[in-house]
Amino acid sequence: MFHRFYPMGVAATRIGNNGPPVGVGTTMTVRATWNGAVLAESDRTVIVEGNHYFPTEDVHSEYFEASDTHTVCPWKGEASYHTVVVGDARNDDAAWFYPEPKDAAKEITDRVAFWKGVTVAEV
């Protein structure tokens, strides 16, 4: 559903607006939840601009539907979105990813981030 799989990597990594790493965080498990469902859980997130990007293999794809929404970030590239669906509840475009990020954002290849009321927290 999210195109590719990310090879095993390091624990949480932070990259800044210009792309290059600005530091490596400590190992932590981070969980994304919405409407009582665990959407993703990982100890290998990458943090970009305050958002945790989860490896696609740690995302529960049964809660996602593809969206036609796309946006462009000048340094990350074109983002694609998914609607989160839990039971009868829908959260349009609450998950995003970069199918082909620019070189400055290669660390988020095959990773998914969340917003719009999805709770992302260390567990």
PDB file of N, CA and C in Angstrom:
ATOM      1  N   MET A   1       0.808  -1.182   0.000  1.00  0.00           N
ATOM      2  CA  MET A   1       0.000   0.000   0.000  1.00  0.00           C
ATOM      3  C   MET A   1       0.863   1.262   0.000  1.00  0.00           C
ATOM      4  N   PHE A   2       2.019   1.233   0.633  1.00  0.00           N
ATOM      5  CA  PHE A   2       2.887   2.397   0.706  1.00  0.00           C
ATOM      6  C   PHE A   2       4.103   2.236  -0.193  1.00  0.00           C
ATOM      7  N   HIS A   3       4.024   1.418  -1.208  1.00  0.00           N
ATOM      8  CA  HIS A   3       5.002   1.269  -2.277  1.00  0.00           C
ATOM      9  C   HIS A   3       6.216   0.400  -1.935  1.00  0.00           C
ATOM     10  N   ARG A   4       7.137   0.858  -1.085  1.00  0.00           N
ATOM     11  CA  ARG A   4       8.377   0.133  -0.859  1.00  0.00           C
ATOM     12  C   ARG A   4       8.546  -0.200   0.610  1.00  0.00           C
ATOM     13  N   PHE A   5       9.537  -1.001   0.896  1.00  0.00           N
ATOM     14  CA  PHE A   5       9.865  -1.315   2.279  1.00  0.00           C
ATOM     15  C   PHE A   5      11.205  -0.726   2.632  1.00  0.00           C
ATOM     16  N   TYR A   6      11.318  -0.228   3.851  1.00  0.00           N
ATOM     17  CA  TYR A   6      12.547   0.408   4.321  1.00  0.00           C
ATOM     18  C   TYR A   6      13.473  -0.639   4.910  1.00  0.00           C
ATOM     19  N   PRO A   7      14.743  -0.655   4.535  1.00  0.00           N
ATOM     20  CA  PRO A   7      15.675  -1.612   5.120  1.00  0.00           C
ATOM     21  C   PRO A   7      15.892  -1.307   6.599  1.00  0.00           C
ATOM     22  N   MET A   8      16.289  -2.286   7.355  1.00  0.00           N
ATOM     23  CA  MET A   8      16.550  -2.100   8.779  1.00  0.00           C
ATOM     24  C   MET A   8      17.492  -0.915   8.956  1.00  0.00           C
ATOM     25  N   GLY A   9      17.181  -0.055   9.902  1.00  0.00           N
ATOM     26  CA  GLY A   9      17.971   1.146  10.082  1.00  0.00           C
ATOM     27  C   GLY A   9      18.226   1.438  11.541  1.00  0.00           C
ATOM     28  N   VAL A  10      18.625   2.640  11.800  1.00  0.00           N
ATOM     29  CA  VAL A  10      18.930   3.067  13.153  1.00  0.00           C
ATOM     30  C   VAL A  10      17.655   3.484  13.857  1.00  0.00           C
ATOM     31  N   ALA A  11      17.778   3.756  15.136  1.00  0.00           N
ATOM     32  CA  ALA A  11      16.639   4.215  15.920  1.00  0.00           C
ATOM     33  C   ALA A  11      16.239   5.614  15.463  1.00  0.00           C
ATOM     34  N   ALA A  12      15.503   6.319  16.268  1.00  0.00           N
ATOM     35  CA  ALA A  12      14.986   7.629  15.877  1.00  0.00           C
ATOM     36  C   ALA A  12      16.111   8.545  15.405  1.00  0.00           C
ATOM     37  N   THR A  13      15.910   9.146  14.266  1.00  0.00           N
ATOM     38  CA  THR A  13      16.875  10.056  13.673  1.00  0.00           C
ATOM     39  C   THR A  13      16.165  11.366  13.396  1.00  0.00           C
ATOM     40  N   ARG A  14      16.828  12.469  13.630  1.00  0.00           N
ATOM     41  CA  ARG A  14      16.223  13.772  13.361  1.00  0.00           C
ATOM     42  C   ARG A  14      16.928  14.410  12.166  1.00  0.00           C
ATOM     43  N   ILE A  15      16.099  14.961  11.241  1.00  0.00           N
ATOM     44  CA  ILE A  15      16.670  15.756  10.177  1.00  0.00           C
ATOM     45  C   ILE A  15      15.940  17.087  10.152  1.00  0.00           C
ATOM     46  N   GLY A  16      16.642  18.122   9.748  1.00  0.00           N
ATOM     47  CA  GLY A  16      16.082  19.476   9.791  1.00  0.00           C
ATOM     48  C   GLY A  16      15.547  19.913   8.454  1.00  0.00           C
ATOM     49  N   ASN A  17      15.172  21.177   8.370  1.00  0.00           N
ATOM     50  CA  ASN A  17      14.569  21.709   7.155  1.00  0.00           C
ATOM     51  C   ASN A  17      15.470  21.616   5.939  1.00  0.00           C
ATOM     52  N   ASN A  18      16.778  21.615   6.137  1.00  0.00           N
ATOM     53  CA  ASN A  18      17.691  21.540   5.003  1.00  0.00           C
ATOM     54  C   ASN A  18      18.052  20.112   4.642  1.00  0.00           C
ATOM     55  N   GLY A  19      17.524  19.135   5.387  1.00  0.00           N
ATOM     56  CA  GLY A  19      17.728  17.754   5.028  1.00  0.00           C
ATOM     57  C   GLY A  19      18.797  17.004   5.782  1.00  0.00           C
ATOM     58  N   PRO A  20      19.997  17.558   6.016  1.00  0.00           N
ATOM     59  CA  PRO A  20      21.031  16.736   6.630  1.00  0.00           C
ATOM     60  C   PRO A  20      20.715  16.425   8.084  1.00  0.00           C
ATOM     61  N   PRO A  21      21.179  15.305   8.586  1.00  0.00           N
ATOM     62  CA  PRO A  21      20.917  14.942   9.972  1.00  0.00           C
ATOM     63  C   PRO A  21      21.454  16.008  10.919  1.00  0.00           C
ATOM     64  N   VAL A  22      20.679  16.267  11.967  1.00  0.00           N
ATOM     65  CA  VAL A  22      21.112  17.216  12.986  1.00  0.00           C
ATOM     66  C   VAL A  22      21.320  16.511  14.322  1.00  0.00           C
ATOM     67  N   GLY A  23      21.150  15.203  14.344  1.00  0.00           N
ATOM     68  CA  GLY A  23      21.356  14.447  15.567  1.00  0.00           C
ATOM     69  C   GLY A  23      20.584  13.149  15.522  1.00  0.00           C
ATOM     70  N   VAL A  24      20.995  12.189  16.311  1.00  0.00           N
ATOM     71  CA  VAL A  24      20.318  10.898  16.383  1.00  0.00           C
ATOM     72  C   VAL A  24      19.706  10.781  17.762  1.00  0.00           C
ATOM     73  N   GLY A  25      18.416  10.526  17.809  1.00  0.00           N
ATOM     74  CA  GLY A  25      17.728  10.379  19.083  1.00  0.00           C
ATOM     75  C   GLY A  25      18.010   9.018  19.714  1.00  0.00           C
ATOM     76  N   THR A  26      17.543   8.866  20.917  1.00  0.00           N
ATOM     77  CA  THR A  26      17.701   7.594  21.607  1.00  0.00           C
ATOM     78  C   THR A  26      16.652   6.612  21.105  1.00  0.00           C
ATOM     79  N   THR A  27      16.874   5.344  21.335  1.00  0.00           N
ATOM     80  CA  THR A  27      15.904   4.325  20.951  1.00  0.00           C
ATOM     81  C   THR A  27      14.659   4.493  21.814  1.00  0.00           C
ATOM     82  N   MET A  28      13.510   4.580  21.173  1.00  0.00           N
ATOM     83  CA  MET A  28      12.236   4.686  21.867  1.00  0.00           C
ATOM     84  C   MET A  28      11.169   4.043  21.001  1.00  0.00           C
ATOM     85  N   THR A  29      10.142   3.528  21.646  1.00  0.00           N
ATOM     86  CA  THR A  29       9.015   2.997  20.901  1.00  0.00           C
ATOM     87  C   THR A  29       7.962   4.092  20.820  1.00  0.00           C
ATOM     88  N   VAL A  30       7.486   4.335  19.608  1.00  0.00           N
ATOM     89  CA  VAL A  30       6.502   5.372  19.360  1.00  0.00           C
ATOM     90  C   VAL A  30       5.278   4.713  18.742  1.00  0.00           C
ATOM     91  N   ARG A  31       4.092   5.154  19.187  1.00  0.00           N
ATOM     92  CA  ARG A  31       2.838   4.568  18.715  1.00  0.00           C
ATOM     93  C   ARG A  31       1.946   5.677  18.167  1.00  0.00           C
ATOM     94  N   ALA A  32       1.287   5.396  17.035  1.00  0.00           N
ATOM     95  CA  ALA A  32       0.291   6.291  16.453  1.00  0.00           C
ATOM     96  C   ALA A  32      -1.079   5.651  16.638  1.00  0.00           C
ATOM     97  N   THR A  33      -2.005   6.380  17.266  1.00  0.00           N
ATOM     98  CA  THR A  33      -3.339   5.843  17.502  1.00  0.00           C
ATOM     99  C   THR A  33      -4.397   6.851  17.064  1.00  0.00           C
ATOM    100  N   TRP A  34      -5.547   6.330  16.701  1.00  0.00           N
ATOM    101  CA  TRP A  34      -6.697   7.167  16.377  1.00  0.00           C
ATOM    102  C   TRP A  34      -7.962   6.352  16.568  1.00  0.00           C
ATOM    103  N   ASN A  35      -8.922   6.938  17.239  1.00  0.00           N
ATOM    104  CA  ASN A  35     -10.224   6.311  17.429  1.00  0.00           C
ATOM    105  C   ASN A  35     -10.107   4.913  18.032  1.00  0.00           C
ATOM    106  N   GLY A  36      -9.152   4.740  18.935  1.00  0.00           N
ATOM    107  CA  GLY A  36      -8.976   3.472  19.637  1.00  0.00           C
ATOM    108  C   GLY A  36      -8.143   2.426  18.914  1.00  0.00           C
ATOM    109  N   ALA A  37      -7.674   2.721  17.726  1.00  0.00           N
ATOM    110  CA  ALA A  37      -6.888   1.750  16.953  1.00  0.00           C
ATOM    111  C   ALA A  37      -5.417   2.152  16.915  1.00  0.00           C
ATOM    112  N   VAL A  38      -4.539   1.164  16.975  1.00  0.00           N
ATOM    113  CA  VAL A  38      -3.105   1.401  16.804  1.00  0.00           C
ATOM    114  C   VAL A  38      -2.820   1.374  15.306  1.00  0.00           C
ATOM    115  N   LEU A  39      -2.437   2.534  14.770  1.00  0.00           N
ATOM    116  CA  LEU A  39      -2.167   2.653  13.337  1.00  0.00           C
ATOM    117  C   LEU A  39      -0.744   2.258  12.989  1.00  0.00           C
ATOM    118  N   ALA A  40       0.182   2.517  13.914  1.00  0.00           N
ATOM    119  CA  ALA A  40       1.600   2.197  13.697  1.00  0.00           C
ATOM    120  C   ALA A  40       2.290   2.154  15.051  1.00  0.00           C
ATOM    121  N   GLU A  41       3.346   1.345  15.119  1.00  0.00           N
ATOM    122  CA  GLU A  41       4.177   1.295  16.322  1.00  0.00           C
ATOM    123  C   GLU A  41       5.579   0.877  15.898  1.00  0.00           C
ATOM    124  N   SER A  42       6.582   1.633  16.368  1.00  0.00           N
ATOM    125  CA  SER A  42       7.947   1.363  15.931  1.00  0.00           C
ATOM    126  C   SER A  42       8.959   1.933  16.911  1.00  0.00           C
ATOM    127  N   ASP A  43      10.132   1.323  16.920  1.00  0.00           N
ATOM    128  CA  ASP A  43      11.274   1.897  17.647  1.00  0.00           C
ATOM    129  C   ASP A  43      12.321   2.386  16.648  1.00  0.00           C
ATOM    130  N   ARG A  44      11.884   2.607  15.391  1.00  0.00           N
ATOM    131  CA  ARG A  44      12.797   3.056  14.339  1.00  0.00           C
ATOM    132  C   ARG A  44      12.216   4.230  13.563  1.00  0.00           C
ATOM    133  N   THR A  45      11.544   5.150  14.262  1.00  0.00           N
ATOM    134  CA  THR A  45      11.001   6.310  13.556  1.00  0.00           C
ATOM    135  C   THR A  45      12.106   7.301  13.225  1.00  0.00           C
ATOM    136  N   VAL A  46      11.835   8.110  12.213  1.00  0.00           N
ATOM    137  CA  VAL A  46      12.702   9.218  11.837  1.00  0.00           C
ATOM    138  C   VAL A  46      11.891  10.481  12.094  1.00  0.00           C
ATOM    139  N   ILE A  47      12.472  11.447  12.782  1.00  0.00           N
ATOM    140  CA  ILE A  47      11.755  12.673  13.128  1.00  0.00           C
ATOM    141  C   ILE A  47      12.178  13.794  12.185  1.00  0.00           C
ATOM    142  N   VAL A  48      11.199  14.366  11.492  1.00  0.00           N
ATOM    143  CA  VAL A  48      11.424  15.470  10.567  1.00  0.00           C
ATOM    144  C   VAL A  48      10.419  16.558  10.915  1.00  0.00           C
ATOM    145  N   GLU A  49      10.917  17.737  11.191  1.00  0.00           N
ATOM    146  CA  GLU A  49      10.071  18.882  11.507  1.00  0.00           C
ATOM    147  C   GLU A  49       9.046  18.548  12.589  1.00  0.00           C
ATOM    148  N   GLY A  50       9.476  17.758  13.574  1.00  0.00           N
ATOM    149  CA  GLY A  50       8.622  17.407  14.699  1.00  0.00           C
ATOM    150  C   GLY A  50       7.669  16.252  14.452  1.00  0.00           C
ATOM    151  N   ASN A  51       7.675  15.678  13.264  1.00  0.00           N
ATOM    152  CA  ASN A  51       6.796  14.552  12.930  1.00  0.00           C
ATOM    153  C   ASN A  51       7.574  13.248  12.908  1.00  0.00           C
ATOM    154  N   HIS A  52       7.031  12.217  13.554  1.00  0.00           N
ATOM    155  CA  HIS A  52       7.631  10.885  13.492  1.00  0.00           C
ATOM    156  C   HIS A  52       7.204  10.222  12.190  1.00  0.00           C
ATOM    157  N   TYR A  53       8.174   9.748  11.421  1.00  0.00           N
ATOM    158  CA  TYR A  53       7.914   8.972  10.206  1.00  0.00           C
ATOM    159  C   TYR A  53       8.163   7.504  10.536  1.00  0.00           C
ATOM    160  N   PHE A  54       7.129   6.682  10.404  1.00  0.00           N
ATOM    161  CA  PHE A  54       7.176   5.260  10.747  1.00  0.00           C
ATOM    162  C   PHE A  54       7.553   4.435   9.531  1.00  0.00           C
ATOM    163  N   PRO A  55       8.418   3.427   9.699  1.00  0.00           N
ATOM    164  CA  PRO A  55       8.700   2.513   8.583  1.00  0.00           C
ATOM    165  C   PRO A  55       7.398   1.841   8.132  1.00  0.00           C
ATOM    166  N   THR A  56       7.223   1.667   6.831  1.00  0.00           N
ATOM    167  CA  THR A  56       5.971   1.095   6.325  1.00  0.00           C
ATOM    168  C   THR A  56       5.690  -0.287   6.896  1.00  0.00           C
ATOM    169  N   GLU A  57       6.719  -1.060   7.199  1.00  0.00           N
ATOM    170  CA  GLU A  57       6.460  -2.394   7.745  1.00  0.00           C
ATOM    171  C   GLU A  57       5.925  -2.348   9.172  1.00  0.00           C
ATOM    172  N   ASP A  58       5.963  -1.184   9.816  1.00  0.00           N
ATOM    173  CA  ASP A  58       5.429  -1.025  11.171  1.00  0.00           C
ATOM    174  C   ASP A  58       4.076  -0.312  11.177  1.00  0.00           C
ATOM    175  N   VAL A  59       3.502  -0.119   9.998  1.00  0.00           N
ATOM    176  CA  VAL A  59       2.212   0.545   9.849  1.00  0.00           C
ATOM    177  C   VAL A  59       1.153  -0.522   9.558  1.00  0.00           C
ATOM    178  N   HIS A  60      -0.001  -0.423  10.227  1.00  0.00           N
ATOM    179  CA  HIS A  60      -1.101  -1.377  10.049  1.00  0.00           C
ATOM    180  C   HIS A  60      -1.977  -0.918   8.884  1.00  0.00           C
ATOM    181  N   SER A  61      -1.647  -1.399   7.696  1.00  0.00           N
ATOM    182  CA  SER A  61      -2.251  -0.893   6.459  1.00  0.00           C
ATOM    183  C   SER A  61      -3.749  -1.166   6.349  1.00  0.00           C
ATOM    184  N   GLU A  62      -4.294  -2.042   7.178  1.00  0.00           N
ATOM    185  CA  GLU A  62      -5.730  -2.318   7.106  1.00  0.00           C
ATOM    186  C   GLU A  62      -6.573  -1.100   7.486  1.00  0.00           C
ATOM    187  N   TYR A  63      -5.967  -0.085   8.092  1.00  0.00           N
ATOM    188  CA  TYR A  63      -6.689   1.122   8.499  1.00  0.00           C
ATOM    189  C   TYR A  63      -6.578   2.267   7.478  1.00  0.00           C
ATOM    190  N   PHE A  64      -6.058   2.001   6.289  1.00  0.00           N
ATOM    191  CA  PHE A  64      -5.793   3.077   5.337  1.00  0.00           C
ATOM    192  C   PHE A  64      -6.471   2.862   4.001  1.00  0.00           C
ATOM    193  N   GLU A  65      -6.935   3.969   3.438  1.00  0.00           N
ATOM    194  CA  GLU A  65      -7.439   3.994   2.067  1.00  0.00           C
ATOM    195  C   GLU A  65      -6.664   5.064   1.315  1.00  0.00           C
ATOM    196  N   ALA A  66      -6.325   4.777   0.087  1.00  0.00           N
ATOM    197  CA  ALA A  66      -5.596   5.750  -0.734  1.00  0.00           C
ATOM    198  C   ALA A  66      -6.440   6.997  -0.944  1.00  0.00           C
ATOM    199  N   SER A  67      -5.765   8.122  -1.064  1.00  0.00           N
ATOM    200  CA  SER A  67      -6.403   9.414  -1.322  1.00  0.00           C
ATOM    201  C   SER A  67      -5.818   9.990  -2.604  1.00  0.00           C
ATOM    202  N   ASP A  68      -6.584  10.863  -3.223  1.00  0.00           N
ATOM    203  CA  ASP A  68      -6.080  11.551  -4.421  1.00  0.00           C
ATOM    204  C   ASP A  68      -5.306  12.816  -4.069  1.00  0.00           C
ATOM    205  N   THR A  69      -5.196  13.123  -2.773  1.00  0.00           N
ATOM    206  CA  THR A  69      -4.534  14.350  -2.338  1.00  0.00           C
ATOM    207  C   THR A  69      -3.023  14.249  -2.465  1.00  0.00           C
ATOM    208  N   HIS A  70      -2.407  15.312  -2.958  1.00  0.00           N
ATOM    209  CA  HIS A  70      -0.954  15.434  -3.052  1.00  0.00           C
ATOM    210  C   HIS A  70      -0.580  16.875  -2.709  1.00  0.00           C
ATOM    211  N   THR A  71       0.545  17.035  -2.033  1.00  0.00           N
ATOM    212  CA  THR A  71       1.089  18.363  -1.756  1.00  0.00           C
ATOM    213  C   THR A  71       2.576  18.333  -2.087  1.00  0.00           C
ATOM    214  N   VAL A  72       3.172  19.521  -2.179  1.00  0.00           N
ATOM    215  CA  VAL A  72       4.587  19.593  -2.517  1.00  0.00           C
ATOM    216  C   VAL A  72       5.333  20.370  -1.440  1.00  0.00           C
ATOM    217  N   CYS A  73       6.425  19.794  -0.976  1.00  0.00           N
ATOM    218  CA  CYS A  73       7.350  20.456  -0.064  1.00  0.00           C
ATOM    219  C   CYS A  73       8.594  20.780  -0.885  1.00  0.00           C
ATOM    220  N   PRO A  74       9.121  22.000  -0.776  1.00  0.00           N
ATOM    221  CA  PRO A  74      10.265  22.362  -1.615  1.00  0.00           C
ATOM    222  C   PRO A  74      11.508  21.520  -1.383  1.00  0.00           C
ATOM    223  N   TRP A  75      11.713  20.967  -0.188  1.00  0.00           N
ATOM    224  CA  TRP A  75      12.934  20.186   0.037  1.00  0.00           C
ATOM    225  C   TRP A  75      12.689  18.689   0.194  1.00  0.00           C
ATOM    226  N   LYS A  76      11.424  18.270   0.439  1.00  0.00           N
ATOM    227  CA  LYS A  76      11.133  16.837   0.569  1.00  0.00           C
ATOM    228  C   LYS A  76      10.556  16.252  -0.714  1.00  0.00           C
ATOM    229  N   GLY A  77       9.815  17.051  -1.468  1.00  0.00           N
ATOM    230  CA  GLY A  77       9.223  16.562  -2.703  1.00  0.00           C
ATOM    231  C   GLY A  77       7.706  16.492  -2.612  1.00  0.00           C
ATOM    232  N   GLU A  78       7.104  15.627  -3.428  1.00  0.00           N
ATOM    233  CA  GLU A  78       5.652  15.492  -3.481  1.00  0.00           C
ATOM    234  C   GLU A  78       5.168  14.441  -2.489  1.00  0.00           C
ATOM    235  N   ALA A  79       4.228  14.844  -1.629  1.00  0.00           N
ATOM    236  CA  ALA A  79       3.645  13.937  -0.644  1.00  0.00           C
ATOM    237  C   ALA A  79       2.339  13.354  -1.183  1.00  0.00           C
ATOM    238  N   SER A  80       2.096  12.106  -0.823  1.00  0.00           N
ATOM    239  CA  SER A  80       0.824  11.447  -1.102  1.00  0.00           C
ATOM    240  C   SER A  80       0.149  11.177   0.241  1.00  0.00           C
ATOM    241  N   TYR A  81      -1.169  11.039   0.221  1.00  0.00           N
ATOM    242  CA  TYR A  81      -1.931  10.905   1.455  1.00  0.00           C
ATOM    243  C   TYR A  81      -2.791   9.649   1.470  1.00  0.00           C
ATOM    244  N   HIS A  82      -3.153   9.255   2.696  1.00  0.00           N
ATOM    245  CA  HIS A  82      -4.111   8.179   2.920  1.00  0.00           C
ATOM    246  C   HIS A  82      -5.137   8.649   3.930  1.00  0.00           C
ATOM    247  N   THR A  83      -6.358   8.186   3.748  1.00  0.00           N
ATOM    248  CA  THR A  83      -7.410   8.417   4.720  1.00  0.00           C
ATOM    249  C   THR A  83      -7.353   7.286   5.736  1.00  0.00           C
ATOM    250  N   VAL A  84      -7.451   7.626   7.018  1.00  0.00           N
ATOM    251  CA  VAL A  84      -7.470   6.624   8.086  1.00  0.00           C
ATOM    252  C   VAL A  84      -8.928   6.228   8.305  1.00  0.00           C
ATOM    253  N   VAL A  85      -9.177   4.919   8.325  1.00  0.00           N
ATOM    254  CA  VAL A  85     -10.532   4.404   8.514  1.00  0.00           C
ATOM    255  C   VAL A  85     -10.505   3.402   9.664  1.00  0.00           C
ATOM    256  N   VAL A  86     -11.281   3.708  10.715  1.00  0.00           N
ATOM    257  CA  VAL A  86     -11.413   2.806  11.863  1.00  0.00           C
ATOM    258  C   VAL A  86     -12.905   2.609  12.095  1.00  0.00           C
ATOM    259  N   GLY A  87     -13.383   1.408  11.826  1.00  0.00           N
ATOM    260  CA  GLY A  87     -14.822   1.160  11.909  1.00  0.00           C
ATOM    261  C   GLY A  87     -15.543   2.029  10.903  1.00  0.00           C
ATOM    262  N   ASP A  88     -16.532   2.786  11.369  1.00  0.00           N
ATOM    263  CA  ASP A  88     -17.277   3.687  10.493  1.00  0.00           C
ATOM    264  C   ASP A  88     -16.701   5.096  10.471  1.00  0.00           C
ATOM    265  N   ALA A  89     -15.649   5.322  11.260  1.00  0.00           N
ATOM    266  CA  ALA A  89     -15.055   6.667  11.348  1.00  0.00           C
ATOM    267  C   ALA A  89     -13.955   6.839  10.308  1.00  0.00           C
ATOM    268  N   ARG A  90     -13.918   8.041   9.694  1.00  0.00           N
ATOM    269  CA  ARG A  90     -12.924   8.354   8.672  1.00  0.00           C
ATOM    270  C   ARG A  90     -12.180   9.622   9.057  1.00  0.00           C
ATOM    271  N   ASN A  91     -10.891   9.650   8.802  1.00  0.00           N
ATOM    272  CA  ASN A  91     -10.061  10.831   9.032  1.00  0.00           C
ATOM    273  C   ASN A  91      -9.324  11.087   7.718  1.00  0.00           C
ATOM    274  N   ASP A  92      -9.914  11.927   6.887  1.00  0.00           N
ATOM    275  CA  ASP A  92      -9.394  12.158   5.534  1.00  0.00           C
ATOM    276  C   ASP A  92      -7.973  12.705   5.563  1.00  0.00           C
ATOM    277  N   ASP A  93      -7.119  12.095   4.770  1.00  0.00           N
ATOM    278  CA  ASP A  93      -5.746  12.561   4.546  1.00  0.00           C
ATOM    279  C   ASP A  93      -4.932  12.698   5.834  1.00  0.00           C
ATOM    280  N   ALA A  94      -5.178  11.837   6.808  1.00  0.00           N
ATOM    281  CA  ALA A  94      -4.492  11.930   8.106  1.00  0.00           C
ATOM    282  C   ALA A  94      -3.110  11.286   8.102  1.00  0.00           C
ATOM    283  N   ALA A  95      -2.767  10.566   7.056  1.00  0.00           N
ATOM    284  CA  ALA A  95      -1.436   9.946   6.941  1.00  0.00           C
ATOM    285  C   ALA A  95      -0.810  10.401   5.627  1.00  0.00           C
ATOM    286  N   TRP A  96       0.485  10.676   5.665  1.00  0.00           N
ATOM    287  CA  TRP A  96       1.161  11.067   4.431  1.00  0.00           C
ATOM    288  C   TRP A  96       2.520  10.402   4.332  1.00  0.00           C
ATOM    289  N   PHE A  97       3.001  10.358   3.103  1.00  0.00           N
ATOM    290  CA  PHE A  97       4.309   9.768   2.821  1.00  0.00           C
ATOM    291  C   PHE A  97       4.834  10.370   1.528  1.00  0.00           C
ATOM    292  N   TYR A  98       6.120  10.188   1.311  1.00  0.00           N
ATOM    293  CA  TYR A  98       6.781  10.690   0.102  1.00  0.00           C
ATOM    294  C   TYR A  98       7.240   9.493  -0.721  1.00  0.00           C
ATOM    295  N   PRO A  99       6.510   9.140  -1.789  1.00  0.00           N
ATOM    296  CA  PRO A  99       6.885   7.976  -2.595  1.00  0.00           C
ATOM    297  C   PRO A  99       8.306   8.071  -3.159  1.00  0.00           C
ATOM    298  N   GLU A 100       8.711   9.270  -3.542  1.00  0.00           N
ATOM    299  CA  GLU A 100      10.048   9.489  -4.089  1.00  0.00           C
ATOM    300  C   GLU A 100      10.603  10.793  -3.529  1.00  0.00           C
ATOM    301  N   PRO A 101      11.050  10.773  -2.256  1.00  0.00           N
ATOM    302  CA  PRO A 101      11.543  12.029  -1.668  1.00  0.00           C
ATOM    303  C   PRO A 101      12.801  12.524  -2.365  1.00  0.00           C
ATOM    304  N   LYS A 102      13.006  13.834  -2.285  1.00  0.00           N
ATOM    305  CA  LYS A 102      14.228  14.425  -2.829  1.00  0.00           C
ATOM    306  C   LYS A 102      15.431  13.944  -2.021  1.00  0.00           C
ATOM    307  N   ASP A 103      16.614  14.113  -2.584  1.00  0.00           N
ATOM    308  CA  ASP A 103      17.838  13.645  -1.933  1.00  0.00           C
ATOM    309  C   ASP A 103      17.988  14.160  -0.504  1.00  0.00           C
ATOM    310  N   ALA A 104      17.577  15.393  -0.247  1.00  0.00           N
ATOM    311  CA  ALA A 104      17.717  15.971   1.088  1.00  0.00           C
ATOM    312  C   ALA A 104      16.855  15.260   2.124  1.00  0.00           C
ATOM    313  N   ALA A 105      15.866  14.478   1.666  1.00  0.00           N
ATOM    314  CA  ALA A 105      14.935  13.808   2.577  1.00  0.00           C
ATOM    315  C   ALA A 105      14.927  12.289   2.406  1.00  0.00           C
ATOM    316  N   LYS A 106      16.007  11.737   1.902  1.00  0.00           N
ATOM    317  CA  LYS A 106      16.056  10.289   1.657  1.00  0.00           C
ATOM    318  C   LYS A 106      15.758   9.464   2.902  1.00  0.00           C
ATOM    319  N   GLU A 107      15.997  10.039   4.099  1.00  0.00           N
ATOM    320  CA  GLU A 107      15.759   9.310   5.353  1.00  0.00           C
ATOM    321  C   GLU A 107      14.291   8.953   5.549  1.00  0.00           C
ATOM    322  N   ILE A 108      13.373   9.608   4.828  1.00  0.00           N
ATOM    323  CA  ILE A 108      11.951   9.306   5.002  1.00  0.00           C
ATOM    324  C   ILE A 108      11.390   8.441   3.882  1.00  0.00           C
ATOM    325  N   THR A 109      12.264   7.883   3.062  1.00  0.00           N
ATOM    326  CA  THR A 109      11.819   6.944   2.039  1.00  0.00           C
ATOM    327  C   THR A 109      11.148   5.757   2.730  1.00  0.00           C
ATOM    328  N   ASP A 110       9.994   5.351   2.216  1.00  0.00           N
ATOM    329  CA  ASP A 110       9.242   4.205   2.742  1.00  0.00           C
ATOM    330  C   ASP A 110       8.815   4.400   4.184  1.00  0.00           C
ATOM    331  N   ARG A 111       8.428   5.640   4.513  1.00  0.00           N
ATOM    332  CA  ARG A 111       7.969   5.962   5.863  1.00  0.00           C
ATOM    333  C   ARG A 111       6.687   6.782   5.791  1.00  0.00           C
ATOM    334  N   VAL A 112       5.892   6.685   6.855  1.00  0.00           N
ATOM    335  CA  VAL A 112       4.581   7.318   6.918  1.00  0.00           C
ATOM    336  C   VAL A 112       4.505   8.189   8.175  1.00  0.00           C
ATOM    337  N   ALA A 113       3.915   9.376   8.042  1.00  0.00           N
ATOM    338  CA  ALA A 113       3.702  10.274   9.177  1.00  0.00           C
ATOM    339  C   ALA A 113       2.200  10.564   9.307  1.00  0.00           C
ATOM    340  N   PHE A 114       1.826  11.143  10.455  1.00  0.00           N
ATOM    341  CA  PHE A 114       0.410  11.355  10.763  1.00  0.00           C
ATOM    342  C   PHE A 114       0.148  12.760  11.270  1.00  0.00           C
ATOM    343  N   TRP A 115      -1.098  13.202  11.149  1.00  0.00           N
ATOM    344  CA  TRP A 115      -1.577  14.461  11.702  1.00  0.00           C
ATOM    345  C   TRP A 115      -3.086  14.379  11.817  1.00  0.00           C
ATOM    346  N   LYS A 116      -3.769  15.528  11.927  1.00  0.00           N
ATOM    347  CA  LYS A 116      -5.233  15.612  11.949  1.00  0.00           C
ATOM    348  C   LYS A 116      -5.854  14.771  13.073  1.00  0.00           C
ATOM    349  N   GLY A 117      -5.335  14.925  14.272  1.00  0.00           N
ATOM    350  CA  GLY A 117      -5.933  14.255  15.422  1.00  0.00           C
ATOM    351  C   GLY A 117      -5.383  12.883  15.743  1.00  0.00           C
ATOM    352  N   VAL A 118      -4.483  12.360  14.920  1.00  0.00           N
ATOM    353  CA  VAL A 118      -3.820  11.091  15.253  1.00  0.00           C
ATOM    354  C   VAL A 118      -2.843  11.373  16.378  1.00  0.00           C
ATOM    355  N   THR A 119      -2.914  10.590  17.442  1.00  0.00           N
ATOM    356  CA  THR A 119      -2.012  10.752  18.568  1.00  0.00           C
ATOM    357  C   THR A 119      -0.732   9.961  18.309  1.00  0.00           C
ATOM    358  N   VAL A 120       0.396  10.649  18.352  1.00  0.00           N
ATOM    359  CA  VAL A 120       1.701  10.011  18.191  1.00  0.00           C
ATOM    360  C   VAL A 120       2.470  10.269  19.482  1.00  0.00           C
ATOM    361  N   ALA A 121       2.792   9.184  20.194  1.00  0.00           N
ATOM    362  CA  ALA A 121       3.432   9.344  21.506  1.00  0.00           C
ATOM    363  C   ALA A 121       4.384   8.197  21.795  1.00  0.00           C
ATOM    364  N   GLU A 122       5.380   8.504  22.608  1.00  0.00           N
ATOM    365  CA  GLU A 122       6.308   7.483  23.096  1.00  0.00           C
ATOM    366  C   GLU A 122       5.560   6.587  24.069  1.00  0.00           C
ATOM    367  N   VAL A 123       5.813   5.288  23.975  1.00  0.00           N
ATOM    368  CA  VAL A 123       5.176   4.321  24.893  1.00  0.00           C
ATOM    369  C   VAL A 123       6.229   3.579  25.700  1.00  0.00           C
TER     370      VAL A 123
END
